[in-house]
């Protein structure tokens, strides 16, 4: 999982939830790619999750 920040408002097509700018989300890479393919709604943060740190060792 990776942490992202919402850049512009969007509705999650899987949950129906509205996400607003500045909101922080933890998403899997395939979900990040899916959202970015629809528009520039999110941005990855530099902070890595525990799973990302373990995978890089």
C-alpha atoms as a PDB file:
ATOM      1  CA  UNK A   1       0.000   0.000   0.000  1.00  0.00           C
ATOM      2  CA  UNK A   2       1.097   3.531  -0.689  1.00  0.00           C
ATOM      3  CA  UNK A   3      -0.110   6.794   0.751  1.00  0.00           C
ATOM      4  CA  UNK A   4      -1.569   9.374  -1.633  1.00  0.00           C
ATOM      5  CA  UNK A   5      -3.026  12.849  -1.237  1.00  0.00           C
ATOM      6  CA  UNK A   6      -6.169  13.888  -3.099  1.00  0.00           C
ATOM      7  CA  UNK A   7      -5.441  16.819  -5.443  1.00  0.00           C
ATOM      8  CA  UNK A   8      -8.943  17.405  -6.803  1.00  0.00           C
ATOM      9  CA  UNK A   9     -12.374  16.195  -5.757  1.00  0.00           C
ATOM     10  CA  UNK A  10     -13.495  12.838  -7.134  1.00  0.00           C
ATOM     11  CA  UNK A  11     -15.991  10.068  -6.424  1.00  0.00           C
ATOM     12  CA  UNK A  12     -14.599   6.583  -5.845  1.00  0.00           C
ATOM     13  CA  UNK A  13     -16.411   4.340  -8.313  1.00  0.00           C
ATOM     14  CA  UNK A  14     -16.009   1.294  -6.050  1.00  0.00           C
ATOM     15  CA  UNK A  15     -17.266   2.815  -2.788  1.00  0.00           C
ATOM     16  CA  UNK A  16     -19.243   5.839  -3.997  1.00  0.00           C
ATOM     17  CA  UNK A  17     -17.385   7.997  -1.450  1.00  0.00           C
ATOM     18  CA  UNK A  18     -16.474  11.574  -2.364  1.00  0.00           C
ATOM     19  CA  UNK A  19     -12.805  12.373  -1.717  1.00  0.00           C
ATOM     20  CA  UNK A  20     -11.813  16.015  -1.250  1.00  0.00           C
ATOM     21  CA  UNK A  21      -8.471  17.813  -1.802  1.00  0.00           C
ATOM     22  CA  UNK A  22      -5.966  17.325   1.015  1.00  0.00           C
ATOM     23  CA  UNK A  23      -7.450  14.000   2.117  1.00  0.00           C
ATOM     24  CA  UNK A  24      -4.887  11.221   2.668  1.00  0.00           C
ATOM     25  CA  UNK A  25      -5.619   7.707   1.414  1.00  0.00           C
ATOM     26  CA  UNK A  26      -3.760   4.389   1.563  1.00  0.00           C
ATOM     27  CA  UNK A  27      -4.183   2.546  -1.733  1.00  0.00           C
ATOM     28  CA  UNK A  28      -2.689  -0.413  -3.560  1.00  0.00           C
ATOM     29  CA  UNK A  29      -0.610   0.414  -6.635  1.00  0.00           C
ATOM     30  CA  UNK A  30      -3.162  -1.048  -9.072  1.00  0.00           C
ATOM     31  CA  UNK A  31      -5.878   1.191  -7.569  1.00  0.00           C
ATOM     32  CA  UNK A  32      -3.577   4.227  -7.804  1.00  0.00           C
ATOM     33  CA  UNK A  33      -2.953   3.463 -11.481  1.00  0.00           C
ATOM     34  CA  UNK A  34      -6.700   3.076 -12.087  1.00  0.00           C
ATOM     35  CA  UNK A  35      -7.509   6.466 -10.521  1.00  0.00           C
ATOM     36  CA  UNK A  36      -4.660   8.220 -12.349  1.00  0.00           C
ATOM     37  CA  UNK A  37      -5.804   6.764 -15.684  1.00  0.00           C
ATOM     38  CA  UNK A  38      -9.098   8.659 -15.204  1.00  0.00           C
ATOM     39  CA  UNK A  39      -7.438  11.976 -14.330  1.00  0.00           C
ATOM     40  CA  UNK A  40      -4.957  13.833 -12.160  1.00  0.00           C
ATOM     41  CA  UNK A  41      -6.949  13.348  -8.941  1.00  0.00           C
ATOM     42  CA  UNK A  42      -4.246  12.050  -6.584  1.00  0.00           C
ATOM     43  CA  UNK A  43      -0.531  12.373  -5.915  1.00  0.00           C
ATOM     44  CA  UNK A  44       1.760   9.868  -4.210  1.00  0.00           C
ATOM     45  CA  UNK A  45       3.440  11.050  -1.032  1.00  0.00           C
ATOM     46  CA  UNK A  46       7.050  10.317  -0.132  1.00  0.00           C
ATOM     47  CA  UNK A  47       5.958   8.387   2.960  1.00  0.00           C
ATOM     48  CA  UNK A  48       6.115   4.635   2.334  1.00  0.00           C
ATOM     49  CA  UNK A  49       3.932   2.142   4.146  1.00  0.00           C
ATOM     50  CA  UNK A  50       5.314  -0.753   6.211  1.00  0.00           C
ATOM     51  CA  UNK A  51       4.710  -3.186   3.333  1.00  0.00           C
ATOM     52  CA  UNK A  52       6.684  -1.006   0.897  1.00  0.00           C
ATOM     53  CA  UNK A  53       9.623  -0.805   3.320  1.00  0.00           C
ATOM     54  CA  UNK A  54       9.629  -4.577   3.867  1.00  0.00           C
ATOM     55  CA  UNK A  55       9.483  -5.253   0.126  1.00  0.00           C
ATOM     56  CA  UNK A  56      12.518  -3.042  -0.543  1.00  0.00           C
ATOM     57  CA  UNK A  57      14.774  -4.989   1.865  1.00  0.00           C
END
